Amino acid sequence: MSVPEVNRELCIGCGVCASLCPDVFEIDSEGKAVVREGTDCESAGCCQDAADSCPVGAITL
C-alpha cells in the first residue's frame, strides 16, 4: 500500500492535490494539504497526478 506524504513546510495550500485526488488529499483547518487516513494510492489512481501537479513539489510518493 502506497501512502503519499505532504511536506507541510513547502505546502502553500493551493488545493490542486485535493481537486485532482479528493479521495486521498484534503485541505485542513490550517489551509494545508493532508493525506486522508486509510487511503491507498494504488486504488485511488490519482496520487502521481497530484504529486506532479503540485506547484511547490510538496508531495512525495
N, C-alpha and C. Protein backbone atom coordinates (compact mmCIF):
# COMPACT_ATOMS: atom_id res chain seq x y z
N MET A 1 0.85 -1.19 0.00
CA MET A 1 0.00 0.00 0.00
C MET A 1 0.89 1.24 0.00
N SER A 2 0.69 2.11 -0.96
CA SER A 2 1.48 3.33 -1.09
C SER A 2 0.74 4.51 -0.46
N VAL A 3 1.40 5.16 0.48
CA VAL A 3 0.79 6.32 1.13
C VAL A 3 1.67 7.54 0.85
N PRO A 4 1.11 8.57 0.24
CA PRO A 4 1.89 9.77 -0.05
C PRO A 4 2.16 10.58 1.22
N GLU A 5 3.13 11.46 1.14
CA GLU A 5 3.43 12.36 2.24
C GLU A 5 3.40 13.79 1.72
N VAL A 6 2.92 14.69 2.57
CA VAL A 6 2.88 16.11 2.23
C VAL A 6 3.85 16.84 3.15
N ASN A 7 4.80 17.56 2.56
CA ASN A 7 5.71 18.39 3.33
C ASN A 7 4.97 19.69 3.64
N ARG A 8 4.52 19.81 4.88
CA ARG A 8 3.68 20.95 5.27
C ARG A 8 4.45 22.27 5.27
N GLU A 9 5.76 22.21 5.36
CA GLU A 9 6.55 23.44 5.29
C GLU A 9 6.57 23.99 3.87
N LEU A 10 6.52 23.10 2.88
CA LEU A 10 6.51 23.52 1.49
C LEU A 10 5.10 23.85 0.99
N CYS A 11 4.11 23.15 1.53
CA CYS A 11 2.73 23.28 1.04
C CYS A 11 2.24 24.72 1.16
N ILE A 12 1.64 25.21 0.06
CA ILE A 12 1.08 26.57 0.06
C ILE A 12 -0.45 26.54 0.12
N GLY A 13 -1.02 25.34 0.20
CA GLY A 13 -2.47 25.22 0.36
C GLY A 13 -3.27 25.60 -0.87
N CYS A 14 -2.69 25.40 -2.05
CA CYS A 14 -3.39 25.80 -3.28
C CYS A 14 -4.59 24.92 -3.59
N GLY A 15 -4.59 23.68 -3.10
CA GLY A 15 -5.73 22.79 -3.29
C GLY A 15 -5.71 21.97 -4.56
N VAL A 16 -4.65 22.06 -5.35
CA VAL A 16 -4.58 21.29 -6.59
C VAL A 16 -4.67 19.79 -6.29
N CYS A 17 -3.94 19.31 -5.29
CA CYS A 17 -3.96 17.88 -4.97
C CYS A 17 -5.35 17.42 -4.57
N ALA A 18 -6.03 18.23 -3.75
CA ALA A 18 -7.37 17.86 -3.30
C ALA A 18 -8.38 17.88 -4.44
N SER A 19 -8.19 18.75 -5.40
CA SER A 19 -9.13 18.79 -6.53
C SER A 19 -8.86 17.65 -7.51
N LEU A 20 -7.59 17.27 -7.69
CA LEU A 20 -7.25 16.17 -8.60
C LEU A 20 -7.46 14.80 -7.97
N CYS A 21 -7.31 14.71 -6.67
CA CYS A 21 -7.34 13.42 -5.98
C CYS A 21 -8.05 13.55 -4.63
N PRO A 22 -9.35 13.85 -4.65
CA PRO A 22 -10.07 14.12 -3.40
C PRO A 22 -10.24 12.92 -2.47
N ASP A 23 -10.07 11.71 -2.99
CA ASP A 23 -10.17 10.54 -2.13
C ASP A 23 -8.93 10.37 -1.25
N VAL A 24 -7.84 11.05 -1.61
CA VAL A 24 -6.58 10.90 -0.88
C VAL A 24 -6.19 12.17 -0.14
N PHE A 25 -6.39 13.34 -0.77
CA PHE A 25 -5.94 14.60 -0.18
C PHE A 25 -7.11 15.50 0.20
N GLU A 26 -6.89 16.29 1.24
CA GLU A 26 -7.85 17.32 1.63
C GLU A 26 -7.07 18.48 2.22
N ILE A 27 -7.71 19.62 2.28
CA ILE A 27 -7.11 20.81 2.90
C ILE A 27 -7.65 20.90 4.32
N ASP A 28 -6.74 21.01 5.29
CA ASP A 28 -7.17 21.03 6.69
C ASP A 28 -7.52 22.44 7.16
N SER A 29 -7.82 22.55 8.44
CA SER A 29 -8.25 23.84 9.00
C SER A 29 -7.14 24.89 9.00
N GLU A 30 -5.90 24.46 8.83
CA GLU A 30 -4.77 25.39 8.75
C GLU A 30 -4.49 25.81 7.32
N GLY A 31 -5.29 25.30 6.37
CA GLY A 31 -5.11 25.66 4.97
C GLY A 31 -4.00 24.91 4.27
N LYS A 32 -3.60 23.78 4.83
CA LYS A 32 -2.53 22.96 4.25
C LYS A 32 -3.11 21.61 3.83
N ALA A 33 -2.47 21.00 2.84
CA ALA A 33 -2.90 19.68 2.38
C ALA A 33 -2.50 18.61 3.39
N VAL A 34 -3.38 17.64 3.55
CA VAL A 34 -3.11 16.47 4.37
C VAL A 34 -3.60 15.24 3.62
N VAL A 35 -3.05 14.10 3.99
CA VAL A 35 -3.47 12.83 3.41
C VAL A 35 -4.57 12.26 4.28
N ARG A 36 -5.67 11.90 3.67
CA ARG A 36 -6.79 11.30 4.40
C ARG A 36 -6.35 9.96 4.99
N GLU A 37 -6.78 9.68 6.21
CA GLU A 37 -6.43 8.42 6.86
C GLU A 37 -7.00 7.23 6.11
N GLY A 38 -6.20 6.17 6.03
CA GLY A 38 -6.65 4.94 5.43
C GLY A 38 -6.73 4.94 3.92
N THR A 39 -6.08 5.92 3.28
CA THR A 39 -6.14 5.98 1.82
C THR A 39 -5.00 5.18 1.20
N ASP A 40 -5.20 4.79 -0.03
CA ASP A 40 -4.23 3.97 -0.75
C ASP A 40 -4.12 4.49 -2.17
N CYS A 41 -2.91 4.88 -2.56
CA CYS A 41 -2.68 5.45 -3.88
C CYS A 41 -2.97 4.48 -5.01
N GLU A 42 -2.67 3.20 -4.81
CA GLU A 42 -2.90 2.24 -5.88
C GLU A 42 -4.38 2.18 -6.25
N SER A 43 -5.24 2.13 -5.25
CA SER A 43 -6.67 2.04 -5.55
C SER A 43 -7.25 3.38 -6.00
N ALA A 44 -6.69 4.48 -5.51
CA ALA A 44 -7.20 5.80 -5.91
C ALA A 44 -6.81 6.14 -7.34
N GLY A 45 -5.58 5.81 -7.71
CA GLY A 45 -5.12 6.01 -9.08
C GLY A 45 -4.85 7.45 -9.49
N CYS A 46 -4.76 8.36 -8.53
CA CYS A 46 -4.57 9.77 -8.88
C CYS A 46 -3.41 10.44 -8.14
N CYS A 47 -2.71 9.71 -7.31
CA CYS A 47 -1.65 10.31 -6.49
C CYS A 47 -0.51 10.87 -7.32
N GLN A 48 -0.11 10.14 -8.35
CA GLN A 48 1.00 10.62 -9.17
C GLN A 48 0.64 11.92 -9.86
N ASP A 49 -0.59 12.02 -10.36
CA ASP A 49 -1.04 13.28 -10.99
C ASP A 49 -1.00 14.42 -9.99
N ALA A 50 -1.45 14.15 -8.77
CA ALA A 50 -1.44 15.19 -7.74
C ALA A 50 -0.02 15.62 -7.41
N ALA A 51 0.88 14.65 -7.26
CA ALA A 51 2.28 14.97 -6.95
C ALA A 51 2.93 15.76 -8.09
N ASP A 52 2.67 15.32 -9.32
CA ASP A 52 3.25 16.01 -10.48
C ASP A 52 2.70 17.42 -10.64
N SER A 53 1.48 17.66 -10.19
CA SER A 53 0.82 18.95 -10.38
C SER A 53 1.07 19.93 -9.24
N CYS A 54 1.66 19.45 -8.15
CA CYS A 54 1.92 20.33 -7.00
C CYS A 54 2.94 21.40 -7.43
N PRO A 55 2.57 22.68 -7.36
CA PRO A 55 3.47 23.73 -7.85
C PRO A 55 4.74 23.91 -7.03
N VAL A 56 4.75 23.40 -5.81
CA VAL A 56 5.94 23.56 -4.97
C VAL A 56 6.62 22.22 -4.64
N GLY A 57 6.14 21.14 -5.23
CA GLY A 57 6.75 19.82 -5.02
C GLY A 57 6.64 19.32 -3.61
N ALA A 58 5.53 19.60 -2.95
CA ALA A 58 5.35 19.23 -1.54
C ALA A 58 4.91 17.78 -1.33
N ILE A 59 4.56 17.07 -2.39
CA ILE A 59 4.03 15.70 -2.27
C ILE A 59 5.08 14.70 -2.74
N THR A 60 5.36 13.73 -1.89
CA THR A 60 6.23 12.62 -2.27
C THR A 60 5.45 11.33 -2.15
N LEU A 61 5.79 10.39 -3.03
CA LEU A 61 5.10 9.09 -3.03
C LEU A 61 6.03 8.00 -2.56
